[in-house]
């Protein structure tokens, strides 16, 4: 039961943030699809990603990445904030579960993240870079701090 408490808290906070967000779309883009790489600690995953802004600052991102003889599926909720005097550049924080399927097992991760999101003005291209540590909660617990993400997307 104690292992389910962090997951429940994450879901409750997600619901709270989505309910508190305004209905206006304040980001310089509303949707984006593209390519993402998740790397660090000697393993690399790469694949497709999609992102949608639900409000000014709240976005959801989902990705399916392949590597190390496994598949990583990860939905996440993100909060974006403006950076003064930096058009198109936002900071972001977020979290989400990760599911790694491979080798006949499924590993479940909790993944907080912090990073930067940049949309080129008047060009439908978006870049993202983030730090995304991983807390493994199945098949023995583990923590990996050295994980990073890099993405490029078509944004509209």
C-alpha atoms as a PDB file:
ATOM      1  CA  UNK A   1       0.000   0.000   0.000  1.00  0.00           C
ATOM      2  CA  UNK A   2       2.837   2.429   0.839  1.00  0.00           C
ATOM      3  CA  UNK A   3       4.269   2.034  -2.674  1.00  0.00           C
ATOM      4  CA  UNK A   4       0.974   3.319  -4.144  1.00  0.00           C
ATOM      5  CA  UNK A   5       1.004   6.547  -2.093  1.00  0.00           C
ATOM      6  CA  UNK A   6       3.473   8.470  -4.386  1.00  0.00           C
ATOM      7  CA  UNK A   7       1.502   7.449  -7.475  1.00  0.00           C
ATOM      8  CA  UNK A   8      -1.766   8.542  -5.867  1.00  0.00           C
ATOM      9  CA  UNK A   9      -0.241  11.892  -4.849  1.00  0.00           C
ATOM     10  CA  UNK A  10       1.041  12.471  -8.401  1.00  0.00           C
ATOM     11  CA  UNK A  11      -2.390  11.761  -9.857  1.00  0.00           C
ATOM     12  CA  UNK A  12      -4.114  14.037  -7.325  1.00  0.00           C
ATOM     13  CA  UNK A  13      -1.680  16.894  -8.039  1.00  0.00           C
ATOM     14  CA  UNK A  14      -2.209  16.409 -11.787  1.00  0.00           C
ATOM     15  CA  UNK A  15      -5.940  16.746 -11.371  1.00  0.00           C
ATOM     16  CA  UNK A  16      -5.498  19.860  -9.201  1.00  0.00           C
ATOM     17  CA  UNK A  17      -3.191  21.611 -11.703  1.00  0.00           C
ATOM     18  CA  UNK A  18      -5.440  20.834 -14.669  1.00  0.00           C
ATOM     19  CA  UNK A  19      -8.506  22.108 -12.780  1.00  0.00           C
ATOM     20  CA  UNK A  20      -6.732  25.326 -11.731  1.00  0.00           C
ATOM     21  CA  UNK A  21      -5.470  26.174 -15.225  1.00  0.00           C
ATOM     22  CA  UNK A  22      -7.302  28.759 -17.294  1.00  0.00           C
ATOM     23  CA  UNK A  23      -8.948  27.833 -20.567  1.00  0.00           C
ATOM     24  CA  UNK A  24      -6.860  30.211 -22.712  1.00  0.00           C
ATOM     25  CA  UNK A  25      -3.961  28.894 -24.763  1.00  0.00           C
ATOM     26  CA  UNK A  26      -1.041  31.162 -23.824  1.00  0.00           C
ATOM     27  CA  UNK A  27       1.833  29.180 -25.277  1.00  0.00           C
ATOM     28  CA  UNK A  28       3.327  30.108 -28.636  1.00  0.00           C
ATOM     29  CA  UNK A  29       2.124  26.704 -29.856  1.00  0.00           C
ATOM     30  CA  UNK A  30      -0.674  24.341 -28.897  1.00  0.00           C
ATOM     31  CA  UNK A  31       0.436  20.981 -30.355  1.00  0.00           C
ATOM     32  CA  UNK A  32       3.716  19.427 -31.370  1.00  0.00           C
ATOM     33  CA  UNK A  33       4.916  16.062 -32.720  1.00  0.00           C
ATOM     34  CA  UNK A  34       8.446  14.931 -33.321  1.00  0.00           C
ATOM     35  CA  UNK A  35      11.509  12.993 -32.215  1.00  0.00           C
ATOM     36  CA  UNK A  36      12.922  12.537 -28.688  1.00  0.00           C
ATOM     37  CA  UNK A  37      16.059  10.951 -27.272  1.00  0.00           C
ATOM     38  CA  UNK A  38      16.301   9.861 -23.625  1.00  0.00           C
ATOM     39  CA  UNK A  39      19.933   9.272 -22.660  1.00  0.00           C
ATOM     40  CA  UNK A  40      22.324   8.868 -19.752  1.00  0.00           C
ATOM     41  CA  UNK A  41      23.883   6.193 -17.531  1.00  0.00           C
ATOM     42  CA  UNK A  42      25.063   4.252 -20.597  1.00  0.00           C
ATOM     43  CA  UNK A  43      21.651   3.563 -22.170  1.00  0.00           C
ATOM     44  CA  UNK A  44      19.828   5.477 -24.892  1.00  0.00           C
ATOM     45  CA  UNK A  45      16.191   5.380 -25.995  1.00  0.00           C
ATOM     46  CA  UNK A  46      14.879   7.201 -29.090  1.00  0.00           C
ATOM     47  CA  UNK A  47      11.457   7.517 -30.678  1.00  0.00           C
ATOM     48  CA  UNK A  48       8.367   9.636 -31.207  1.00  0.00           C
ATOM     49  CA  UNK A  49       6.760  12.228 -28.960  1.00  0.00           C
ATOM     50  CA  UNK A  50       3.603  14.300 -28.974  1.00  0.00           C
ATOM     51  CA  UNK A  51       2.683  17.296 -26.839  1.00  0.00           C
ATOM     52  CA  UNK A  52      -0.557  19.221 -26.271  1.00  0.00           C
ATOM     53  CA  UNK A  53      -1.172  22.356 -24.192  1.00  0.00           C
ATOM     54  CA  UNK A  54      -4.399  22.155 -22.188  1.00  0.00           C
ATOM     55  CA  UNK A  55      -4.069  25.762 -20.965  1.00  0.00           C
ATOM     56  CA  UNK A  56      -1.568  28.623 -20.646  1.00  0.00           C
ATOM     57  CA  UNK A  57       0.930  26.646 -18.630  1.00  0.00           C
ATOM     58  CA  UNK A  58      -0.248  23.029 -18.467  1.00  0.00           C
ATOM     59  CA  UNK A  59       0.790  20.534 -21.134  1.00  0.00           C
ATOM     60  CA  UNK A  60       0.697  16.802 -21.557  1.00  0.00           C
ATOM     61  CA  UNK A  61       3.395  14.905 -23.406  1.00  0.00           C
ATOM     62  CA  UNK A  62       3.445  11.269 -24.433  1.00  0.00           C
ATOM     63  CA  UNK A  63       6.326   9.337 -25.922  1.00  0.00           C
ATOM     64  CA  UNK A  64       7.168   5.887 -27.191  1.00  0.00           C
ATOM     65  CA  UNK A  65      10.909   5.271 -27.247  1.00  0.00           C
ATOM     66  CA  UNK A  66      12.964   2.257 -28.291  1.00  0.00           C
ATOM     67  CA  UNK A  67      16.421   1.142 -27.204  1.00  0.00           C
ATOM     68  CA  UNK A  68      18.479  -1.274 -25.121  1.00  0.00           C
ATOM     69  CA  UNK A  69      16.254  -4.169 -26.355  1.00  0.00           C
ATOM     70  CA  UNK A  70      13.225  -2.552 -24.704  1.00  0.00           C
ATOM     71  CA  UNK A  71      10.363  -0.115 -25.286  1.00  0.00           C
ATOM     72  CA  UNK A  72       9.737   2.881 -23.013  1.00  0.00           C
ATOM     73  CA  UNK A  73       6.209   4.321 -22.909  1.00  0.00           C
ATOM     74  CA  UNK A  74       5.827   7.510 -20.911  1.00  0.00           C
ATOM     75  CA  UNK A  75       2.942   9.957 -20.454  1.00  0.00           C
ATOM     76  CA  UNK A  76       3.681  13.074 -18.429  1.00  0.00           C
ATOM     77  CA  UNK A  77       2.115  16.266 -17.152  1.00  0.00           C
ATOM     78  CA  UNK A  78       4.149  19.477 -17.412  1.00  0.00           C
ATOM     79  CA  UNK A  79       3.932  22.992 -16.035  1.00  0.00           C
ATOM     80  CA  UNK A  80       5.550  25.705 -18.224  1.00  0.00           C
ATOM     81  CA  UNK A  81       6.632  29.157 -17.085  1.00  0.00           C
ATOM     82  CA  UNK A  82       7.883  32.157 -19.048  1.00  0.00           C
ATOM     83  CA  UNK A  83      11.473  33.364 -18.914  1.00  0.00           C
ATOM     84  CA  UNK A  84      11.649  37.163 -18.942  1.00  0.00           C
ATOM     85  CA  UNK A  85      13.187  38.767 -22.059  1.00  0.00           C
ATOM     86  CA  UNK A  86      13.558  35.396 -23.808  1.00  0.00           C
ATOM     87  CA  UNK A  87      10.869  35.141 -26.486  1.00  0.00           C
ATOM     88  CA  UNK A  88       9.800  31.559 -27.120  1.00  0.00           C
ATOM     89  CA  UNK A  89      11.835  30.130 -24.209  1.00  0.00           C
ATOM     90  CA  UNK A  90      10.040  28.576 -21.238  1.00  0.00           C
ATOM     91  CA  UNK A  91      11.167  26.619 -18.206  1.00  0.00           C
ATOM     92  CA  UNK A  92       9.228  23.481 -17.345  1.00  0.00           C
ATOM     93  CA  UNK A  93       8.739  21.024 -14.544  1.00  0.00           C
ATOM     94  CA  UNK A  94       6.652  17.895 -14.544  1.00  0.00           C
ATOM     95  CA  UNK A  95       6.305  14.232 -13.786  1.00  0.00           C
ATOM     96  CA  UNK A  96       4.849  11.035 -15.093  1.00  0.00           C
ATOM     97  CA  UNK A  97       5.058   7.288 -14.940  1.00  0.00           C
ATOM     98  CA  UNK A  98       7.335   5.363 -17.257  1.00  0.00           C
ATOM     99  CA  UNK A  99       6.803   1.797 -18.392  1.00  0.00           C
ATOM    100  CA  UNK A 100       9.726  -0.193 -19.799  1.00  0.00           C
ATOM    101  CA  UNK A 101       8.718  -3.361 -21.624  1.00  0.00           C
ATOM    102  CA  UNK A 102      11.520  -5.782 -22.452  1.00  0.00           C
ATOM    103  CA  UNK A 103      13.171  -9.042 -21.555  1.00  0.00           C
ATOM    104  CA  UNK A 104       9.858 -10.572 -20.527  1.00  0.00           C
ATOM    105  CA  UNK A 105       9.307  -8.027 -17.745  1.00  0.00           C
ATOM    106  CA  UNK A 106       7.698  -4.640 -17.234  1.00  0.00           C
ATOM    107  CA  UNK A 107       9.468  -2.062 -15.098  1.00  0.00           C
ATOM    108  CA  UNK A 108       7.490   0.863 -13.709  1.00  0.00           C
ATOM    109  CA  UNK A 109       9.230   4.180 -13.116  1.00  0.00           C
ATOM    110  CA  UNK A 110       8.270   7.479 -11.533  1.00  0.00           C
ATOM    111  CA  UNK A 111       9.925  10.284 -13.506  1.00  0.00           C
ATOM    112  CA  UNK A 112      10.080  13.908 -12.401  1.00  0.00           C
ATOM    113  CA  UNK A 113      11.577  16.353 -14.893  1.00  0.00           C
ATOM    114  CA  UNK A 114      12.906  19.905 -15.132  1.00  0.00           C
ATOM    115  CA  UNK A 115      14.087  21.631 -18.279  1.00  0.00           C
ATOM    116  CA  UNK A 116      13.712  24.174 -21.048  1.00  0.00           C
ATOM    117  CA  UNK A 117      11.285  24.378 -23.970  1.00  0.00           C
ATOM    118  CA  UNK A 118      12.036  26.666 -26.932  1.00  0.00           C
ATOM    119  CA  UNK A 119       9.727  27.472 -29.845  1.00  0.00           C
ATOM    120  CA  UNK A 120      11.372  29.397 -32.693  1.00  0.00           C
ATOM    121  CA  UNK A 121       9.300  32.518 -33.454  1.00  0.00           C
ATOM    122  CA  UNK A 122       7.468  32.370 -36.814  1.00  0.00           C
ATOM    123  CA  UNK A 123       8.910  28.905 -37.546  1.00  0.00           C
ATOM    124  CA  UNK A 124       7.001  25.707 -36.609  1.00  0.00           C
ATOM    125  CA  UNK A 125       9.984  24.132 -34.817  1.00  0.00           C
ATOM    126  CA  UNK A 126      10.232  23.415 -31.079  1.00  0.00           C
ATOM    127  CA  UNK A 127      13.247  22.165 -29.091  1.00  0.00           C
ATOM    128  CA  UNK A 128      13.306  20.764 -25.580  1.00  0.00           C
ATOM    129  CA  UNK A 129      16.047  19.730 -23.175  1.00  0.00           C
ATOM    130  CA  UNK A 130      15.358  18.318 -19.734  1.00  0.00           C
ATOM    131  CA  UNK A 131      16.758  16.422 -16.791  1.00  0.00           C
ATOM    132  CA  UNK A 132      14.588  13.392 -16.043  1.00  0.00           C
ATOM    133  CA  UNK A 133      15.775  11.154 -13.186  1.00  0.00           C
ATOM    134  CA  UNK A 134      14.106   7.778 -12.793  1.00  0.00           C
ATOM    135  CA  UNK A 135      12.785   6.067  -9.670  1.00  0.00           C
ATOM    136  CA  UNK A 136      12.222   2.371 -10.425  1.00  0.00           C
ATOM    137  CA  UNK A 137       9.408   1.012  -8.243  1.00  0.00           C
ATOM    138  CA  UNK A 138       9.111  -2.571  -9.520  1.00  0.00           C
ATOM    139  CA  UNK A 139      11.544  -5.500  -9.548  1.00  0.00           C
ATOM    140  CA  UNK A 140      13.487  -3.944  -6.689  1.00  0.00           C
ATOM    141  CA  UNK A 141      13.705  -0.238  -6.167  1.00  0.00           C
ATOM    142  CA  UNK A 142      16.395   1.838  -7.850  1.00  0.00           C
ATOM    143  CA  UNK A 143      17.205   5.482  -8.560  1.00  0.00           C
ATOM    144  CA  UNK A 144      19.016   6.831 -11.612  1.00  0.00           C
ATOM    145  CA  UNK A 145      19.875  10.542 -11.519  1.00  0.00           C
ATOM    146  CA  UNK A 146      21.844  10.730 -14.775  1.00  0.00           C
ATOM    147  CA  UNK A 147      18.995  10.736 -17.318  1.00  0.00           C
ATOM    148  CA  UNK A 148      18.340  13.528 -19.820  1.00  0.00           C
ATOM    149  CA  UNK A 149      15.952  14.195 -22.687  1.00  0.00           C
ATOM    150  CA  UNK A 150      16.440  16.048 -25.942  1.00  0.00           C
ATOM    151  CA  UNK A 151      13.651  16.625 -28.447  1.00  0.00           C
ATOM    152  CA  UNK A 152      12.820  18.360 -31.710  1.00  0.00           C
ATOM    153  CA  UNK A 153       9.222  18.717 -32.856  1.00  0.00           C
ATOM    154  CA  UNK A 154       7.004  20.248 -35.508  1.00  0.00           C
ATOM    155  CA  UNK A 155       4.782  22.679 -33.567  1.00  0.00           C
ATOM    156  CA  UNK A 156       1.508  24.357 -34.473  1.00  0.00           C
END
